[in-house]
N, C-alpha and C. Protein backbone atom coordinates (compact mmCIF):
# COMPACT_ATOMS: atom_id res chain seq x y z
N THR A 1 2.43 29.46 -25.39
CA THR A 1 0.59 29.49 -24.72
C THR A 1 0.18 28.73 -24.86
N ILE A 2 -0.89 28.63 -24.02
CA ILE A 2 -1.47 27.04 -23.77
C ILE A 2 -2.83 27.98 -24.02
N MET A 3 -2.94 29.30 -24.07
CA MET A 3 -4.72 30.18 -24.50
C MET A 3 -4.22 29.56 -25.99
N ALA A 4 -2.73 29.65 -27.50
CA ALA A 4 -3.01 29.30 -28.44
C ALA A 4 -3.52 28.29 -28.70
N THR A 5 -2.83 26.93 -28.29
CA THR A 5 -2.87 25.82 -28.73
C THR A 5 -3.78 24.43 -27.85
N PRO A 6 -4.69 24.31 -29.42
CA PRO A 6 -5.89 23.93 -29.48
C PRO A 6 -6.32 22.98 -27.78
N SER A 7 -7.32 22.92 -26.82
CA SER A 7 -7.17 22.06 -25.43
C SER A 7 -8.10 21.36 -25.75
N TYR A 8 -8.69 20.45 -25.35
CA TYR A 8 -9.44 19.70 -24.66
C TYR A 8 -9.78 18.84 -23.64
N VAL A 9 -11.70 19.38 -22.83
CA VAL A 9 -10.83 17.77 -21.94
C VAL A 9 -12.45 17.14 -22.31
N PHE A 10 -12.07 15.75 -22.16
CA PHE A 10 -13.06 14.70 -22.46
C PHE A 10 -14.15 14.34 -20.64
N MET A 11 -15.27 13.94 -21.02
CA MET A 11 -15.93 13.35 -19.87
C MET A 11 -16.88 12.38 -20.00
N CYS A 12 -17.17 11.44 -18.98
CA CYS A 12 -18.25 11.20 -19.45
C CYS A 12 -19.24 11.84 -18.39
N SER A 13 -20.76 10.97 -18.70
CA SER A 13 -21.97 11.32 -17.87
C SER A 13 -22.52 10.16 -18.09
N LYS A 14 -23.28 9.24 -17.25
CA LYS A 14 -24.09 8.85 -16.95
C LYS A 14 -23.87 7.57 -18.31
N ASN A 15 -24.23 8.17 -19.58
CA ASN A 15 -24.53 7.16 -20.97
C ASN A 15 -23.83 8.28 -21.72
N PHE A 16 -23.07 9.22 -22.19
CA PHE A 16 -23.07 9.68 -23.21
C PHE A 16 -21.07 10.22 -23.11
N VAL A 17 -20.42 11.04 -24.03
CA VAL A 17 -19.95 10.98 -23.84
C VAL A 17 -19.49 12.43 -24.40
N TRP A 18 -18.84 13.19 -23.70
CA TRP A 18 -18.69 14.76 -24.34
C TRP A 18 -17.57 15.40 -23.90
N PHE A 19 -16.85 16.40 -24.36
CA PHE A 19 -16.12 16.76 -24.21
C PHE A 19 -16.36 18.57 -24.56
N VAL A 20 -15.12 18.94 -24.75
CA VAL A 20 -14.95 21.08 -24.02
C VAL A 20 -14.69 21.15 -24.94
N THR A 21 -14.11 22.37 -25.97
CA THR A 21 -12.77 23.08 -26.27
C THR A 21 -13.36 24.47 -25.85
N SER A 22 -11.72 25.13 -25.02
CA SER A 22 -11.06 26.35 -25.33
C SER A 22 -11.86 25.49 -23.28
N PRO A 23 -11.76 24.43 -22.35
CA PRO A 23 -11.03 24.93 -21.06
C PRO A 23 -11.19 26.31 -20.74
N PHE A 24 -9.94 26.75 -20.67
CA PHE A 24 -8.75 28.08 -20.00
C PHE A 24 -10.29 29.38 -20.21
N GLY A 25 -10.82 28.99 -20.96
CA GLY A 25 -11.74 30.40 -21.52
C GLY A 25 -10.95 30.80 -22.22
N GLY A 26 -11.29 32.33 -22.16
CA GLY A 26 -10.66 33.64 -21.99
C GLY A 26 -10.97 34.59 -23.23
N ILE A 27 -11.06 35.45 -23.32
CA ILE A 27 -11.40 36.82 -23.97
C ILE A 27 -12.20 36.33 -24.65
N ASP A 28 -11.44 35.72 -26.18
CA ASP A 28 -12.58 36.11 -27.08
C ASP A 28 -13.53 34.20 -26.99
N SER A 29 -12.94 33.48 -26.25
CA SER A 29 -13.55 32.35 -25.86
C SER A 29 -13.95 31.46 -24.45
N ILE A 30 -15.69 31.01 -25.14
CA ILE A 30 -16.06 30.67 -23.77
C ILE A 30 -16.40 29.15 -24.32
N PRO A 31 -15.53 28.06 -23.58
CA PRO A 31 -16.11 26.63 -22.80
C PRO A 31 -17.19 26.36 -23.81
N LYS A 32 -16.79 25.73 -24.84
CA LYS A 32 -18.26 25.52 -25.48
C LYS A 32 -18.23 24.04 -25.52
N TRP A 33 -19.20 23.25 -24.03
CA TRP A 33 -19.22 21.22 -24.61
C TRP A 33 -19.78 20.23 -25.92
N THR A 34 -20.23 19.41 -26.17
CA THR A 34 -20.53 19.25 -26.98
C THR A 34 -20.26 17.64 -26.47
N ARG A 35 -21.29 16.78 -27.32
CA ARG A 35 -22.14 15.46 -26.49
C ARG A 35 -21.39 15.33 -27.95
N VAL A 36 -20.18 13.75 -27.85
CA VAL A 36 -19.32 13.17 -29.17
C VAL A 36 -20.74 11.88 -28.98
N SER A 37 -21.29 11.06 -28.22
CA SER A 37 -21.95 9.96 -28.64
C SER A 37 -22.75 9.92 -28.45
N ASP A 38 -24.20 8.96 -29.18
CA ASP A 38 -25.17 8.00 -29.07
C ASP A 38 -25.10 8.11 -27.87
N ASP A 39 -26.50 7.88 -27.04
CA ASP A 39 -26.06 6.18 -25.97
C ASP A 39 -26.36 5.52 -26.34
N LEU A 40 -24.71 5.22 -25.44
CA LEU A 40 -23.82 3.41 -26.21
C LEU A 40 -24.30 3.15 -25.25
N CYS A 41 -24.95 3.41 -23.01
CA CYS A 41 -25.89 2.49 -22.65
C CYS A 41 -27.07 2.04 -22.21
N LYS A 42 -28.11 2.02 -23.23
CA LYS A 42 -29.13 1.87 -23.59
C LYS A 42 -29.09 0.20 -23.67
N VAL A 43 -28.46 -0.62 -23.43
CA VAL A 43 -28.75 -2.43 -23.33
C VAL A 43 -29.12 -2.02 -22.21
N SER A 44 -29.20 -1.37 -21.19
CA SER A 44 -29.38 -1.80 -20.15
C SER A 44 -29.84 -0.62 -18.75
N ALA A 45 -30.95 -0.23 -18.54
CA ALA A 45 -30.66 0.46 -17.56
C ALA A 45 -29.90 0.74 -16.51
N SER A 46 -29.16 -0.32 -16.09
CA SER A 46 -28.51 -0.07 -14.84
C SER A 46 -27.20 0.08 -14.90
N GLU A 47 -26.41 0.33 -16.23
CA GLU A 47 -25.54 -0.02 -17.37
C GLU A 47 -25.28 1.65 -17.52
N TYR A 48 -24.17 1.99 -17.47
CA TYR A 48 -23.67 3.89 -17.43
C TYR A 48 -22.40 3.26 -17.30
N PHE A 49 -21.39 4.62 -17.45
CA PHE A 49 -19.37 4.22 -18.20
C PHE A 49 -19.50 5.03 -16.40
N THR A 50 -18.00 4.13 -16.51
CA THR A 50 -17.72 4.43 -14.95
C THR A 50 -16.09 4.50 -15.30
N ALA A 51 -15.37 4.69 -16.56
CA ALA A 51 -14.06 4.69 -16.85
C ALA A 51 -14.36 5.52 -18.03
N ILE A 52 -13.06 6.35 -18.35
CA ILE A 52 -12.09 6.58 -20.15
C ILE A 52 -10.21 6.92 -19.79
N ALA A 53 -10.08 6.84 -20.70
CA ALA A 53 -9.14 7.22 -20.97
C ALA A 53 -9.15 7.79 -22.77
N VAL A 54 -8.06 8.88 -23.04
CA VAL A 54 -7.85 9.30 -24.29
C VAL A 54 -6.46 9.31 -24.91
N SER A 55 -6.28 9.12 -25.68
CA SER A 55 -4.97 8.99 -25.97
C SER A 55 -3.70 9.73 -26.33
N GLY A 56 -3.79 10.70 -25.97
CA GLY A 56 -3.05 12.23 -25.45
C GLY A 56 -2.11 12.01 -26.65
N ASP A 57 -3.11 12.19 -28.34
CA ASP A 57 -2.26 12.74 -29.09
C ASP A 57 -2.71 12.89 -29.90
N ASN A 58 -2.34 13.32 -30.84
CA ASN A 58 -3.54 14.67 -31.67
C ASN A 58 -4.69 13.55 -32.70
N ASN A 59 -4.51 12.12 -32.08
CA ASN A 59 -6.12 11.73 -31.93
C ASN A 59 -7.06 12.38 -32.17
N HIS A 60 -6.47 12.46 -30.21
CA HIS A 60 -7.97 12.01 -29.87
C HIS A 60 -8.55 10.41 -29.76
N HIS A 61 -8.42 9.85 -29.89
CA HIS A 61 -8.67 8.79 -29.30
C HIS A 61 -10.19 8.39 -27.51
N VAL A 62 -10.60 8.37 -27.37
CA VAL A 62 -11.20 8.05 -26.39
C VAL A 62 -11.79 6.71 -26.10
N TYR A 63 -11.31 6.32 -24.79
CA TYR A 63 -11.87 4.76 -24.42
C TYR A 63 -12.82 5.18 -23.76
N VAL A 64 -14.17 3.84 -23.53
CA VAL A 64 -14.86 4.25 -21.84
C VAL A 64 -15.79 2.92 -22.00
N GLY A 65 -15.29 2.65 -20.72
CA GLY A 65 -15.97 1.20 -20.38
C GLY A 65 -17.17 1.52 -18.93
N THR A 66 -17.80 0.68 -19.24
CA THR A 66 -18.95 0.44 -18.22
C THR A 66 -19.34 -0.15 -17.59
N THR A 67 -20.76 -0.13 -16.22
CA THR A 67 -20.56 -1.17 -15.97
C THR A 67 -20.45 -2.78 -16.17
N HIS A 68 -21.41 -2.92 -17.08
CA HIS A 68 -22.08 -4.28 -17.92
C HIS A 68 -19.83 -5.13 -18.38
N GLY A 69 -18.94 -4.15 -18.15
CA GLY A 69 -18.35 -4.93 -19.11
C GLY A 69 -18.05 -4.53 -19.66
N ARG A 70 -19.02 -3.47 -20.85
CA ARG A 70 -18.27 -3.66 -22.30
C ARG A 70 -16.80 -1.82 -22.75
N ILE A 71 -16.77 -2.01 -24.00
CA ILE A 71 -15.59 -1.12 -23.97
C ILE A 71 -15.71 -0.95 -25.26
N TYR A 72 -16.11 0.88 -25.33
CA TYR A 72 -16.56 1.23 -26.79
C TYR A 72 -15.13 2.14 -27.55
N ARG A 73 -14.49 2.63 -28.53
CA ARG A 73 -13.74 3.00 -28.87
C ARG A 73 -14.60 4.26 -29.82
N ILE A 74 -14.13 5.56 -29.26
CA ILE A 74 -14.28 6.75 -29.99
C ILE A 74 -13.65 7.53 -31.00
N PHE A 75 -13.00 6.98 -32.64
CA PHE A 75 -12.17 7.65 -32.75
C PHE A 75 -11.83 9.26 -32.86
N ASN A 76 -11.06 10.41 -33.18
CA ASN A 76 -11.21 11.11 -33.15
C ASN A 76 -12.40 12.22 -32.63
N ALA A 77 -12.43 11.55 -31.43
CA ALA A 77 -13.52 12.26 -30.30
C ALA A 77 -14.16 14.41 -30.50
N HIS A 78 -12.52 15.01 -30.60
CA HIS A 78 -12.77 16.18 -30.56
C HIS A 78 -12.84 16.89 -31.55
N ASP A 79 -13.42 15.52 -32.72
CA ASP A 79 -14.28 15.91 -34.31
C ASP A 79 -15.11 16.22 -34.46
N PRO A 80 -16.20 16.22 -33.99
CA PRO A 80 -17.72 16.15 -34.29
C PRO A 80 -18.53 16.98 -35.11
N ALA A 81 -17.91 17.74 -36.67
CA ALA A 81 -17.95 17.65 -38.10
C ALA A 81 -18.26 16.37 -38.51
N SER A 82 -17.43 16.04 -38.34
CA SER A 82 -17.27 14.52 -39.57
C SER A 82 -17.39 13.26 -38.80
N MET A 83 -18.36 13.72 -37.87
CA MET A 83 -18.25 12.01 -36.16
C MET A 83 -19.61 11.18 -37.57
N ASP A 84 -19.00 10.23 -37.50
CA ASP A 84 -20.06 9.08 -38.11
C ASP A 84 -20.20 7.78 -37.20
N ILE A 85 -21.20 8.00 -36.19
CA ILE A 85 -22.21 7.52 -35.08
C ILE A 85 -21.12 5.08 -35.68
N THR A 86 -21.89 5.29 -36.88
CA THR A 86 -21.37 3.58 -37.72
C THR A 86 -20.19 3.74 -38.52
N THR A 87 -19.01 4.41 -38.15
CA THR A 87 -17.43 4.25 -38.51
C THR A 87 -16.50 4.90 -37.80
N LYS A 88 -17.63 6.07 -36.26
CA LYS A 88 -16.11 6.20 -34.94
C LYS A 88 -16.29 5.23 -34.21
N ILE A 89 -17.43 5.05 -34.22
CA ILE A 89 -17.42 4.47 -32.29
C ILE A 89 -17.66 3.07 -32.99
N ALA A 90 -17.29 1.80 -32.35
CA ALA A 90 -17.09 1.26 -31.58
C ALA A 90 -17.43 0.05 -29.94
N ARG A 91 -17.89 -0.68 -30.19
CA ARG A 91 -18.08 -1.84 -29.20
C ARG A 91 -16.04 -2.76 -29.59
N ILE A 92 -15.04 -2.62 -28.15
CA ILE A 92 -13.85 -3.19 -28.43
C ILE A 92 -13.85 -4.58 -28.24
N ASP A 93 -14.67 -5.09 -26.82
CA ASP A 93 -14.27 -5.57 -25.39
C ASP A 93 -15.17 -7.01 -26.38
N GLY A 94 -15.20 -7.20 -27.53
CA GLY A 94 -15.87 -8.07 -28.27
C GLY A 94 -16.91 -8.99 -27.78
N GLY A 95 -17.01 -8.98 -26.53
CA GLY A 95 -18.21 -9.60 -25.91
C GLY A 95 -17.02 -10.83 -25.00
N THR A 96 -16.05 -10.90 -24.44
CA THR A 96 -14.84 -12.19 -24.79
C THR A 96 -14.95 -11.45 -22.67
N LEU A 97 -15.03 -10.01 -22.28
CA LEU A 97 -14.51 -9.84 -21.20
C LEU A 97 -15.05 -10.07 -19.74
N PRO A 98 -15.24 -9.06 -19.08
CA PRO A 98 -16.12 -10.20 -18.06
C PRO A 98 -17.14 -9.57 -18.08
N ASN A 99 -18.87 -9.68 -17.09
CA ASN A 99 -20.04 -8.74 -17.10
C ASN A 99 -20.24 -8.18 -15.51
N ARG A 100 -18.52 -6.80 -15.60
CA ARG A 100 -18.95 -6.75 -14.30
C ARG A 100 -18.07 -5.06 -14.99
N TRP A 101 -18.14 -3.89 -13.62
CA TRP A 101 -17.65 -2.39 -13.28
C TRP A 101 -16.45 -3.08 -13.81
N ILE A 102 -15.75 -1.77 -14.50
CA ILE A 102 -14.44 -1.40 -14.85
C ILE A 102 -14.31 -0.37 -14.26
N THR A 103 -12.89 -0.14 -13.67
CA THR A 103 -12.93 0.57 -13.00
C THR A 103 -12.11 1.27 -13.08
N SER A 104 -10.87 1.10 -14.30
CA SER A 104 -9.93 2.45 -14.66
C SER A 104 -9.41 1.12 -16.84
N LEU A 105 -9.29 2.39 -17.20
CA LEU A 105 -8.27 2.35 -19.16
C LEU A 105 -7.49 3.67 -18.49
N ALA A 106 -6.34 2.11 -19.11
CA ALA A 106 -5.17 3.17 -19.47
C ALA A 106 -4.77 2.94 -20.64
N ILE A 107 -4.11 4.06 -21.31
CA ILE A 107 -3.60 3.72 -22.26
C ILE A 107 -1.91 4.07 -22.29
N ASP A 108 -1.22 3.28 -23.21
CA ASP A 108 0.25 3.27 -22.73
C ASP A 108 0.47 5.13 -23.70
N PRO A 109 1.61 5.81 -23.05
CA PRO A 109 1.87 6.57 -24.10
C PRO A 109 2.73 6.78 -25.00
N ASN A 110 4.21 4.80 -24.77
CA ASN A 110 5.00 5.21 -25.75
C ASN A 110 4.11 4.03 -26.55
N ASP A 111 3.71 3.62 -26.42
CA ASP A 111 2.14 3.13 -28.00
C ASP A 111 0.52 3.26 -27.60
N ARG A 112 0.30 4.24 -28.37
CA ARG A 112 -1.46 4.53 -28.37
C ARG A 112 -1.87 2.77 -28.26
N ASN A 113 -1.84 1.81 -29.16
CA ASN A 113 -2.28 0.92 -29.25
C ASN A 113 -3.03 -0.29 -28.96
N THR A 114 -1.85 -0.24 -26.89
CA THR A 114 -2.42 -0.82 -26.04
C THR A 114 -3.10 0.59 -24.80
N LEU A 115 -3.59 -0.75 -24.31
CA LEU A 115 -4.99 -0.44 -23.94
C LEU A 115 -5.16 -1.46 -22.68
N VAL A 116 -4.64 -1.20 -20.93
CA VAL A 116 -5.06 -2.28 -20.08
C VAL A 116 -6.26 -2.01 -19.65
N VAL A 117 -7.09 -2.88 -19.15
CA VAL A 117 -8.37 -2.81 -18.55
C VAL A 117 -8.56 -3.21 -16.50
N THR A 118 -8.94 -1.87 -16.29
CA THR A 118 -9.26 -3.36 -14.46
C THR A 118 -10.30 -3.27 -14.53
N TYR A 119 -10.19 -4.25 -13.36
CA TYR A 119 -12.28 -4.46 -12.11
C TYR A 119 -12.26 -3.95 -11.67
N GLY A 120 -12.75 -3.69 -10.66
CA GLY A 120 -13.12 -3.73 -9.15
C GLY A 120 -13.40 -4.02 -8.17
N ALA A 121 -14.07 -6.29 -8.58
CA ALA A 121 -14.27 -6.60 -7.67
C ALA A 121 -13.30 -7.71 -6.59
N TYR A 122 -14.34 -7.80 -5.10
CA TYR A 122 -13.64 -8.60 -4.96
C TYR A 122 -14.18 -10.08 -5.36
N ASP A 123 -13.16 -11.14 -5.82
CA ASP A 123 -13.78 -12.42 -7.38
C ASP A 123 -12.99 -13.72 -6.40
N SER A 124 -13.68 -14.58 -5.64
CA SER A 124 -12.83 -15.84 -5.01
C SER A 124 -13.52 -16.59 -6.00
N THR A 125 -13.85 -16.83 -6.99
CA THR A 125 -13.36 -17.57 -8.46
C THR A 125 -12.30 -18.07 -9.28
N GLY A 126 -11.41 -16.33 -8.67
CA GLY A 126 -9.83 -16.57 -9.46
C GLY A 126 -9.98 -16.12 -10.21
N SER A 127 -11.38 -15.84 -11.57
CA SER A 127 -11.32 -14.96 -12.21
C SER A 127 -10.53 -14.07 -12.57
N SER A 128 -9.45 -13.33 -13.06
CA SER A 128 -8.27 -11.94 -13.43
C SER A 128 -9.22 -10.29 -13.72
N ARG A 129 -9.33 -9.55 -12.65
CA ARG A 129 -9.28 -8.63 -12.86
C ARG A 129 -8.48 -7.80 -13.14
N VAL A 130 -7.25 -7.81 -14.66
CA VAL A 130 -7.05 -6.82 -15.47
C VAL A 130 -6.54 -7.84 -17.00
N TYR A 131 -6.58 -6.90 -17.70
CA TYR A 131 -6.18 -7.39 -18.87
C TYR A 131 -5.93 -5.81 -19.34
N ILE A 132 -5.20 -7.25 -20.86
CA ILE A 132 -5.03 -5.83 -21.57
C ILE A 132 -4.60 -6.15 -22.98
N THR A 133 -4.83 -4.91 -24.39
CA THR A 133 -4.27 -5.40 -26.00
C THR A 133 -3.59 -4.75 -26.40
N ASN A 134 -3.21 -5.46 -27.14
CA ASN A 134 -2.05 -4.36 -27.50
C ASN A 134 -2.64 -3.55 -29.12
N ASN A 135 -3.52 -4.17 -30.17
CA ASN A 135 -4.64 -4.00 -31.06
C ASN A 135 -5.46 -3.45 -30.85
N VAL A 136 -5.41 -2.07 -30.00
CA VAL A 136 -7.06 -1.22 -29.38
C VAL A 136 -7.88 -0.34 -31.09
N ASN A 137 -6.56 -0.59 -31.31
CA ASN A 137 -6.65 0.92 -32.72
C ASN A 137 -7.57 -0.38 -34.43
N SER A 138 -8.00 -1.00 -34.19
CA SER A 138 -7.80 -2.24 -34.88
C SER A 138 -9.25 -2.29 -35.34
N THR A 139 -9.73 -2.30 -37.06
CA THR A 139 -10.85 -2.73 -37.29
C THR A 139 -10.66 -3.21 -38.10
N ASP A 140 -9.41 -3.59 -38.04
CA ASP A 140 -9.34 -5.31 -39.13
C ASP A 140 -10.51 -6.94 -38.02
N THR A 141 -11.30 -6.37 -39.51
CA THR A 141 -12.72 -7.85 -39.41
C THR A 141 -11.02 -9.52 -38.98
N LEU A 142 -10.20 -9.44 -39.65
CA LEU A 142 -9.74 -10.99 -39.37
C LEU A 142 -8.53 -10.35 -38.19
N ASN A 143 -8.27 -9.21 -37.88
CA ASN A 143 -7.91 -9.18 -36.57
C ASN A 143 -8.45 -8.65 -35.77
N PRO A 144 -9.19 -8.55 -35.37
CA PRO A 144 -10.12 -7.25 -34.31
C PRO A 144 -9.50 -7.13 -32.80
N VAL A 145 -9.94 -6.75 -32.46
CA VAL A 145 -9.18 -6.09 -30.85
C VAL A 145 -9.33 -6.98 -29.97
N ALA A 146 -7.94 -7.21 -28.80
CA ALA A 146 -8.45 -9.29 -28.66
C ALA A 146 -7.70 -8.87 -27.13
N PHE A 147 -8.29 -8.97 -25.94
CA PHE A 147 -8.01 -8.88 -24.31
C PHE A 147 -6.61 -10.03 -24.09
N ARG A 148 -6.56 -10.07 -23.22
CA ARG A 148 -5.52 -11.41 -22.56
C ARG A 148 -5.84 -10.53 -21.56
N SER A 149 -5.29 -11.80 -20.76
CA SER A 149 -5.45 -11.55 -18.83
C SER A 149 -4.15 -11.36 -18.60
N ILE A 150 -3.97 -10.57 -17.66
CA ILE A 150 -3.19 -10.35 -17.25
C ILE A 150 -2.46 -10.16 -15.29
N GLY A 151 -3.64 -10.84 -15.16
CA GLY A 151 -4.44 -10.49 -13.65
C GLY A 151 -3.68 -11.99 -12.98
N GLU A 152 -3.22 -13.29 -13.61
CA GLU A 152 -3.44 -14.54 -12.47
C GLU A 152 -1.83 -13.79 -11.29
N GLY A 153 -2.20 -14.78 -10.40
CA GLY A 153 -1.53 -14.40 -9.75
C GLY A 153 -1.08 -12.80 -8.58
N LEU A 154 -2.77 -12.83 -8.19
CA LEU A 154 -3.08 -11.23 -7.31
C LEU A 154 -3.58 -11.80 -7.06
N PRO A 155 -4.36 -11.45 -5.38
CA PRO A 155 -5.00 -12.13 -3.64
C PRO A 155 -6.03 -12.15 -4.25
N LEU A 156 -6.51 -13.35 -4.61
CA LEU A 156 -8.19 -13.40 -4.66
C LEU A 156 -9.56 -12.17 -3.87
N ASP A 157 -8.74 -11.54 -2.92
CA ASP A 157 -9.47 -10.17 -1.73
C ASP A 157 -9.01 -8.79 -2.01
N VAL A 158 -8.20 -9.37 -3.61
CA VAL A 158 -7.49 -7.76 -4.14
C VAL A 158 -8.25 -7.61 -4.72
N PRO A 159 -9.20 -5.98 -4.53
CA PRO A 159 -10.15 -4.72 -6.28
C PRO A 159 -8.95 -4.57 -6.88
N VAL A 160 -8.82 -4.41 -7.56
CA VAL A 160 -7.55 -3.58 -8.62
C VAL A 160 -8.65 -2.06 -9.02
N TYR A 161 -8.47 -1.65 -8.71
CA TYR A 161 -9.43 0.34 -8.73
C TYR A 161 -8.58 0.75 -9.94
N CYS A 162 -6.63 0.50 -10.30
CA CYS A 162 -7.10 1.30 -11.23
C CYS A 162 -4.87 0.80 -12.14
N ALA A 163 -4.84 1.22 -12.45
CA ALA A 163 -3.62 1.20 -13.15
C ALA A 163 -2.90 2.02 -14.11
N ALA A 164 -1.73 2.19 -13.98
CA ALA A 164 -0.68 3.36 -15.10
C ALA A 164 -0.18 2.93 -15.84
N PHE A 165 0.09 3.84 -17.13
CA PHE A 165 1.98 2.80 -17.76
C PHE A 165 2.77 3.66 -17.30
N HIS A 166 3.61 3.24 -16.25
CA HIS A 166 5.46 4.28 -16.60
C HIS A 166 5.36 5.19 -18.45
N PRO A 167 5.33 6.59 -18.13
CA PRO A 167 5.55 7.36 -19.09
C PRO A 167 7.63 7.34 -19.21
N SER A 168 7.54 6.24 -18.94
CA SER A 168 9.18 5.71 -19.73
C SER A 168 9.86 4.82 -20.60
N PRO A 169 9.84 5.46 -21.95
CA PRO A 169 9.98 4.34 -22.11
C PRO A 169 11.13 3.17 -22.07
N SER A 170 12.17 3.59 -20.84
CA SER A 170 13.07 2.74 -20.81
C SER A 170 12.43 1.82 -19.68
N VAL A 171 11.79 1.99 -18.92
CA VAL A 171 11.34 1.53 -18.03
C VAL A 171 10.76 0.44 -19.18
N GLY A 172 9.62 0.04 -20.36
CA GLY A 172 9.23 -1.13 -21.17
C GLY A 172 7.79 -1.29 -21.25
N GLY A 173 6.74 0.15 -21.14
CA GLY A 173 6.39 0.34 -21.34
C GLY A 173 5.33 -0.55 -20.23
N ALA A 174 5.50 -0.48 -19.05
CA ALA A 174 5.47 -1.57 -17.53
C ALA A 174 4.52 -1.26 -17.34
N VAL A 175 2.93 -1.91 -16.37
CA VAL A 175 1.90 -1.44 -16.35
C VAL A 175 2.44 -1.62 -14.87
N HIS A 176 1.43 -0.41 -14.30
CA HIS A 176 1.69 -0.18 -12.49
C HIS A 176 0.19 0.29 -11.93
């Protein structure tokens, strides 16, 4: 039953990532909120979280995006007892993505190492509003997380507010 299975809900407040255990409650369990992250948006008073994605597997990796285009990865976000913010939380955008509002993040359910990022701006410069990486969980300094644009060809007057992967592996992980 759902009450016997550990379940979590992850969310962002302005500057922090949180999770709740036993979100459905029950006779012997009261939902308990736990703050996972330090203040990751302390660079600027105008920066805050705008998007979140969870790996959807037993690792419970969480990815969050900000108003300034930064992306953070939190390994095993459901386990505060072993949380070490110096090793489990990392900024992974490499400073290479646009300094713009991230509107969504999506993890491929068939390849948890693939993440797509969208930006919701009207952009007359022709810069991309959709990026993807196939190594989002890399911790190798010689092979860091690398994003590439997949938004070329989109009309300039169309912001991108959301993206999702098709859940069927037969579709080949198509972004929609």
